[in-house]
Protein backbone atom coordinates (compact mmCIF):
# COMPACT_ATOMS: atom_id res chain seq x y z
CA MET A 1 92.54 98.01 115.89
CA THR A 2 93.94 96.12 118.83
CA ALA A 3 97.41 96.79 120.17
CA GLY A 4 98.53 93.49 118.64
CA ILE A 5 97.46 94.62 115.18
CA ASP A 6 99.03 98.07 115.60
CA ILE A 7 102.43 96.64 116.43
CA LEU A 8 102.35 94.48 113.30
CA CYS A 9 101.24 97.12 110.78
CA THR A 10 103.95 97.55 108.18
CA ASP A 11 104.56 99.98 105.36
CA LEU A 12 106.14 98.23 102.40
CA CYS A 13 107.01 100.81 99.73
CA GLY A 14 103.69 102.52 100.29
CA LEU A 15 101.66 99.33 100.62
CA SER A 16 99.91 99.16 104.00
CA LEU A 17 100.27 95.61 105.32
CA ARG A 18 98.26 94.36 108.27
CA THR A 19 101.27 92.23 109.23
CA PRO A 20 104.76 91.90 107.75
CA VAL A 21 103.97 88.31 106.70
CA LEU A 22 102.97 87.53 103.10
CA LEU A 23 102.23 84.29 101.25
CA ALA A 24 104.87 83.55 98.63
CA ALA A 25 104.27 82.99 94.92
CA GLY A 26 103.72 79.43 93.81
CA THR A 27 102.81 78.13 97.25
CA ALA A 28 99.39 79.65 97.89
CA GLY A 29 97.49 78.70 94.75
CA THR A 30 96.87 80.99 91.81
CA LEU A 31 95.23 83.77 93.85
CA ASP A 32 93.10 83.25 96.95
CA GLU A 33 92.73 79.48 97.26
CA MET A 34 94.37 79.57 100.70
CA SER A 35 91.23 81.25 102.02
CA ASP A 36 89.84 77.72 102.44
CA VAL A 37 92.23 77.15 105.34
CA ILE A 38 93.31 80.60 106.55
CA ASP A 39 91.62 83.97 107.00
CA LEU A 40 93.45 86.07 104.41
CA SER A 41 92.43 89.28 106.16
CA ARG A 42 94.90 88.28 108.89
CA VAL A 43 97.97 88.11 106.64
CA GLY A 44 99.95 90.96 105.16
CA GLY A 45 99.45 89.99 101.57
CA VAL A 46 99.27 87.30 98.92
CA VAL A 47 101.61 86.91 95.95
CA THR A 48 99.94 85.17 93.03
CA LYS A 49 101.35 82.21 91.19
CA SER A 50 103.96 83.36 88.67
CA ILE A 51 102.14 84.15 85.44
CA THR A 52 103.64 83.91 81.95
CA ARG A 53 102.41 85.25 78.64
CA GLU A 54 101.36 81.83 77.33
CA PRO A 55 99.90 78.92 79.36
CA ARG A 56 102.46 76.44 80.66
CA GLU A 57 101.92 72.85 81.78
CA GLY A 58 105.20 72.85 83.62
CA ASN A 59 107.54 69.93 84.09
CA ALA A 60 106.54 66.28 84.28
CA THR A 61 106.20 64.27 87.50
CA TRP A 62 108.10 64.13 89.76
CA ARG A 63 108.44 67.83 90.26
CA LEU A 64 108.02 68.26 94.03
CA ILE A 65 110.10 66.26 96.50
CA PRO A 66 110.58 66.64 100.27
CA THR A 67 114.15 66.43 101.53
CA ASP A 68 115.79 66.36 104.95
CA HIS A 69 116.62 70.05 104.52
CA GLY A 70 113.39 71.40 103.03
CA MET A 71 111.60 70.94 99.74
CA LEU A 72 112.93 70.52 96.22
CA ASN A 73 110.72 71.67 93.39
CA ALA A 74 110.87 71.87 89.62
CA VAL A 75 107.26 72.75 88.86
CA GLY A 76 108.37 74.71 85.83
CA LEU A 77 106.13 77.77 86.12
CA ALA A 78 102.91 75.86 85.42
CA ASN A 79 100.13 78.44 85.01
CA ILE A 80 97.12 79.33 82.89
CA GLY A 81 98.73 82.24 81.06
CA VAL A 82 98.08 85.96 81.41
CA GLU A 83 95.00 86.14 79.19
CA ALA A 84 93.16 83.49 81.18
CA PHE A 85 94.39 84.91 84.48
CA VAL A 86 93.05 88.38 83.67
CA ARG A 87 89.75 86.92 82.49
CA GLU A 88 89.16 84.34 85.24
CA TYR A 89 90.94 85.77 88.26
CA GLY A 90 91.18 89.47 87.49
CA PRO A 91 87.61 90.28 88.62
CA ARG A 92 88.30 88.60 91.98
CA VAL A 93 91.47 90.49 92.90
CA ALA A 94 89.75 93.56 94.38
CA GLY A 95 87.68 91.31 96.64
CA VAL A 96 90.63 89.56 98.26
CA PRO A 97 90.75 90.86 101.85
CA THR A 98 94.48 91.58 101.83
CA VAL A 99 97.13 93.15 99.63
CA VAL A 100 97.56 91.29 96.33
CA VAL A 101 100.84 91.30 94.41
CA GLY A 102 100.96 89.71 90.97
CA SER A 103 104.01 87.58 90.19
CA VAL A 104 105.41 87.70 86.65
CA SER A 105 107.90 85.33 85.06
CA GLU A 106 109.01 85.36 81.46
CA PHE A 107 112.01 84.79 79.22
CA SER A 108 112.36 88.12 77.40
CA VAL A 109 111.97 91.81 78.13
CA GLU A 110 108.95 91.91 75.84
CA GLY A 111 107.33 89.02 77.67
CA PHE A 112 107.85 90.57 81.10
CA VAL A 113 106.50 93.90 79.91
CA ALA A 114 103.39 92.34 78.36
CA VAL A 115 102.48 90.32 81.44
CA ALA A 116 103.37 93.01 83.98
CA GLY A 117 101.38 95.59 82.07
CA ALA A 118 98.33 93.33 81.94
CA LEU A 119 98.48 92.52 85.66
CA GLY A 120 99.03 96.16 86.52
CA GLU A 121 95.73 97.09 84.89
CA ILE A 122 93.69 94.75 87.10
CA PRO A 123 91.61 96.70 89.66
CA GLY A 124 92.88 96.00 93.15
CA MET A 125 96.31 94.74 92.07
CA ALA A 126 98.61 96.58 94.47
CA GLY A 127 101.95 95.52 93.08
CA VAL A 128 103.84 93.38 90.61
CA GLU A 129 106.70 91.09 91.59
CA LEU A 130 109.18 90.27 88.82
CA ASN A 131 110.38 86.70 89.23
CA VAL A 132 113.76 87.01 87.53
CA SER A 133 115.27 84.14 89.49
CA CYS A 134 113.44 80.86 88.81
CA PRO A 135 115.93 77.95 88.64
CA ASN A 136 113.33 75.44 87.47
CA VAL A 137 113.22 76.41 83.79
CA ASN A 138 115.87 77.03 81.16
CA HIS A 139 117.12 80.64 81.27
CA GLY A 140 115.01 81.37 84.36
CA CYS A 141 117.84 83.13 86.23
CA GLU A 142 119.52 85.11 83.46
CA PHE A 143 117.96 88.49 84.23
CA GLY A 144 118.48 88.05 87.96
CA SER A 145 122.21 87.36 87.69
CA ASP A 146 123.24 90.02 85.16
CA PRO A 147 123.05 93.64 86.39
CA ARG A 148 122.99 95.05 82.86
CA LEU A 149 120.13 92.81 81.70
CA LEU A 150 118.21 93.40 84.92
CA ALA A 151 118.53 97.18 84.67
CA GLU A 152 117.17 97.15 81.13
CA LEU A 153 114.28 94.91 82.15
CA VAL A 154 113.33 97.05 85.15
CA LYS A 155 113.40 100.24 83.05
CA GLU A 156 111.00 98.78 80.51
CA VAL A 157 108.62 97.25 83.05
CA ARG A 158 108.56 100.45 85.11
CA ARG A 159 107.08 102.29 82.13
CA VAL A 160 103.95 100.10 82.04
CA LEU A 161 103.21 100.28 85.77
CA PRO A 162 101.97 103.82 86.39
CA ARG A 163 100.11 102.95 89.59
CA CYS A 164 101.43 99.57 90.81
CA ARG A 165 104.39 99.09 93.08
CA LEU A 166 107.26 97.19 91.44
CA LEU A 167 109.00 94.46 93.42
CA VAL A 168 111.94 92.47 92.03
CA LYS A 169 112.65 88.96 93.29
CA LEU A 170 116.38 88.28 93.20
CA SER A 171 118.28 85.02 92.92
CA PRO A 172 120.55 83.54 95.60
CA VAL A 173 123.04 82.54 92.90
CA VAL A 174 124.48 86.06 92.80
CA MET A 175 126.80 85.28 95.71
CA GLY A 176 130.37 86.01 94.65
CA VAL A 177 130.30 87.66 91.22
CA PRO A 178 128.48 89.92 90.44
CA GLY A 179 127.23 89.87 94.01
CA VAL A 180 123.86 90.73 95.49
CA VAL A 181 124.73 94.41 96.01
CA ALA A 182 125.50 94.96 92.32
CA VAL A 183 122.33 93.19 91.23
CA ALA A 184 120.23 94.98 93.84
CA ARG A 185 121.58 98.35 92.76
CA ALA A 186 120.77 97.58 89.11
CA ALA A 187 117.16 96.89 90.10
CA ILE A 188 116.85 100.00 92.25
CA GLU A 189 118.78 102.46 90.08
CA PRO A 190 118.56 101.17 86.49
CA GLY A 191 119.39 104.59 85.03
CA GLY A 192 117.87 106.35 82.07
CA SER A 193 114.23 105.72 82.96
CA SER A 194 111.55 108.22 83.83
CA PRO A 195 108.96 107.43 86.50
CA THR A 196 105.45 107.29 85.09
CA GLY A 197 103.46 107.97 88.24
CA PRO A 198 103.50 110.21 91.29
CA ASN A 199 106.16 109.42 93.90
CA GLN A 200 107.54 106.61 91.74
CA ARG A 201 111.12 105.48 91.89
CA PRO A 202 113.05 105.04 88.64
CA GLY A 203 113.47 101.36 89.44
CA ALA A 204 112.22 98.79 91.94
CA ASP A 205 110.12 99.98 94.85
CA ALA A 206 111.19 96.92 96.89
CA LEU A 207 113.40 93.86 96.56
CA CYS A 208 112.46 90.28 97.42
CA ILE A 209 115.44 88.22 98.56
CA ALA A 210 115.74 85.42 97.63
CA ASN A 211 114.38 82.65 95.45
CA THR A 212 115.12 78.94 95.76
CA VAL A 213 118.68 77.61 95.54
CA PRO A 214 119.54 75.38 92.54
CA ALA A 215 119.86 71.82 93.83
CA MET A 216 119.57 68.14 92.94
CA VAL A 217 118.65 64.85 94.63
CA ILE A 218 119.54 61.42 93.25
CA ASP A 219 117.94 58.01 93.66
CA VAL A 220 121.00 55.90 94.37
CA GLU A 221 119.33 52.61 93.36
CA SER A 222 118.20 53.74 89.91
CA ARG A 223 121.14 56.16 89.68
CA ARG A 224 118.81 58.80 88.25
CA PRO A 225 117.84 62.27 89.48
CA ARG A 226 114.59 62.12 91.44
CA LEU A 227 113.19 65.20 89.71
CA SER A 228 112.01 64.66 86.14
CA ARG A 229 113.93 67.72 85.02
CA GLY A 230 117.09 66.59 86.77
CA SER A 231 117.55 69.58 89.05
CA GLY A 232 115.30 72.16 90.65
CA GLY A 233 115.16 74.69 93.46
CA LEU A 234 115.64 73.97 97.15
CA SER A 235 113.45 75.89 99.61
CA GLY A 236 112.85 75.63 103.33
CA PRO A 237 115.09 75.59 106.41
CA GLY A 238 118.20 74.53 104.51
CA ILE A 239 118.46 77.84 102.65
CA HIS A 240 117.43 80.18 105.47
CA PRO A 241 120.93 81.18 106.65
CA ILE A 242 121.94 81.85 103.04
CA ALA A 243 118.97 84.15 102.49
CA VAL A 244 119.55 85.97 105.79
CA LYS A 245 123.12 86.81 104.73
CA LEU A 246 121.96 88.01 101.31
CA VAL A 247 119.34 90.27 102.90
CA HIS A 248 121.94 91.75 105.23
CA GLU A 249 124.41 92.34 102.40
CA ALA A 250 121.79 94.04 100.24
CA TYR A 251 120.56 96.14 103.15
CA THR A 252 123.96 97.40 104.25
CA GLY A 253 125.33 97.63 100.71
CA VAL A 254 122.58 99.64 99.02
CA CYS A 255 119.03 99.35 100.38
CA ARG A 256 119.60 101.21 103.65
CA ASP A 257 121.05 104.22 101.84
CA THR A 258 118.39 104.28 99.11
CA GLY A 259 115.50 103.60 101.49
CA THR A 260 114.50 100.52 99.51
CA PRO A 261 112.56 97.97 101.58
CA ILE A 262 113.41 94.28 101.40
CA VAL A 263 111.11 91.27 101.65
CA GLY A 264 113.05 88.35 103.14
CA ILE A 265 112.26 84.94 101.64
CA GLY A 266 113.68 81.55 102.50
CA GLY A 267 112.90 79.02 105.18
CA VAL A 268 110.53 81.03 107.38
CA LEU A 269 108.72 78.45 109.51
CA THR A 270 108.81 80.24 112.89
CA TRP A 271 108.65 83.80 114.16
CA GLN A 272 112.34 83.55 115.02
CA ASP A 273 113.13 82.90 111.35
CA ALA A 274 111.15 86.01 110.39
CA ALA A 275 112.80 88.04 113.16
CA GLU A 276 116.24 87.13 111.79
CA PHE A 277 115.27 88.54 108.40
CA ILE A 278 113.97 91.74 110.00
CA LEU A 279 117.12 92.29 112.04
CA ALA A 280 119.19 91.62 108.91
CA GLY A 281 117.35 94.41 107.08
CA ALA A 282 113.98 93.12 105.84
CA SER A 283 110.76 95.07 106.31
CA ALA A 284 108.58 92.02 105.61
CA VAL A 285 108.85 88.31 104.88
CA GLU A 286 107.19 85.80 102.57
CA ILE A 287 106.33 82.26 103.63
CA GLY A 288 106.31 79.48 101.05
CA THR A 289 107.45 76.03 102.15
CA GLY A 290 106.04 76.73 105.61
CA LEU A 291 102.53 76.68 104.10
CA PHE A 292 103.02 73.02 103.17
CA VAL A 293 104.06 72.24 106.75
CA ASP A 294 101.20 74.21 108.35
CA PRO A 295 98.86 76.46 106.34
CA ARG A 296 98.27 78.54 109.47
CA CYS A 297 101.99 79.14 109.88
CA PRO A 298 101.71 82.84 108.85
CA LEU A 299 99.34 83.51 111.76
CA HIS A 300 101.69 81.88 114.26
CA VAL A 301 104.66 83.79 112.85
CA ALA A 302 102.83 87.13 113.05
CA LYS A 303 101.74 86.48 116.63
CA GLY A 304 105.29 85.62 117.62
CA LEU A 305 106.65 88.76 115.97
CA ALA A 306 104.17 90.90 117.90
CA GLY A 307 105.33 89.44 121.19
CA TRP A 308 108.98 89.83 120.22
CA ALA A 309 108.56 93.47 119.25
CA SER A 310 106.79 94.15 122.54
CA ARG A 311 109.63 92.54 124.51
CA GLN A 312 112.14 94.57 122.51
CA GLY A 313 110.35 97.74 123.59
CA VAL A 314 109.43 99.10 120.15
CA ALA A 315 106.12 100.45 118.92
CA ARG A 316 106.12 98.42 115.70
CA VAL A 317 107.89 95.35 114.41
CA GLN A 318 109.13 97.47 111.52
CA ASP A 319 111.16 99.57 113.97
CA LEU A 320 113.49 96.57 114.32
CA THR A 321 114.41 96.47 110.62
CA GLY A 322 118.20 96.41 110.29
CA ARG A 323 118.73 96.67 114.05
CA LEU A 324 121.39 93.96 114.05
CA GLU A 325 124.06 94.47 116.71
CA ALA A 326 127.74 94.16 115.87
CA PRO A 327 129.41 90.75 116.34
CA LEU A 328 130.82 89.99 119.78
CA ASP A 329 134.30 89.72 118.30
CA PRO A 330 135.41 93.36 117.81
CA SER A 331 138.02 92.24 115.27
CA ALA A 332 135.40 90.69 112.99
CA ARG A 333 135.29 92.20 109.52
């Protein structure tokens, strides 16, 4: 490997990433479609489209709208269902030249367990990401905002993933009560579960923070919401500072002490955006909306991170995780 590759290599809960930059669920096709425009061997990993037990057509048009602050979407978890995914895409997973993480979204514990278990059996599937925080469907955020429900879900899913890493994607709507620390702790330490594989944690191996922020745009002439569903999830630059704060709170509140890595998600378009997440406590980042702006964005971000780490005098980008200095104001609390 070159020095540039060495400095970017990242360990994410035992997953060896070539760079700390992954492609986020729902923005990179169902599996490897982005290989048409980007060399996937040069990114840290790909997260599949969120898969449900049954096929879903999703919401009606319009369900994707650009805004001045990012992108508003209400796709509604459109996907081919787990049976078709395993049949049509499963054989291709092992051939994808980067780490593949399967995204799961459902509406019951039983549904999550069924889909996660099926994805976990696919050869080459390195991890499963539980999307418990989708604001674009009814009841899409319930598990991600209730520590008790989330703990129960994580315990049950953990049992059917003897070899896959378990990542849990949290919602940004946990600000205030119960708070991101309480929800993060429920995912990491659900209690009462027994690991089913060697070196497994009882709960999540990593946390992904955060999903899109519930939002709405209105056509003032027709006086109707511009999204067919009414509201959806805002992604992009507008939510980046929110996500950075959530990552920092989770890192200092629980993840640093438990050694649980965080994947920062929200508005990463430049290497500086990714560097903010890393300083706040993230080990890696996912890029979603940035792929719509420039499909080669992950390569530019990784290159920028390598240069930054070199200037900071560290051997690896990962050495800068959580290295945020105290505020200039010594009285700040």
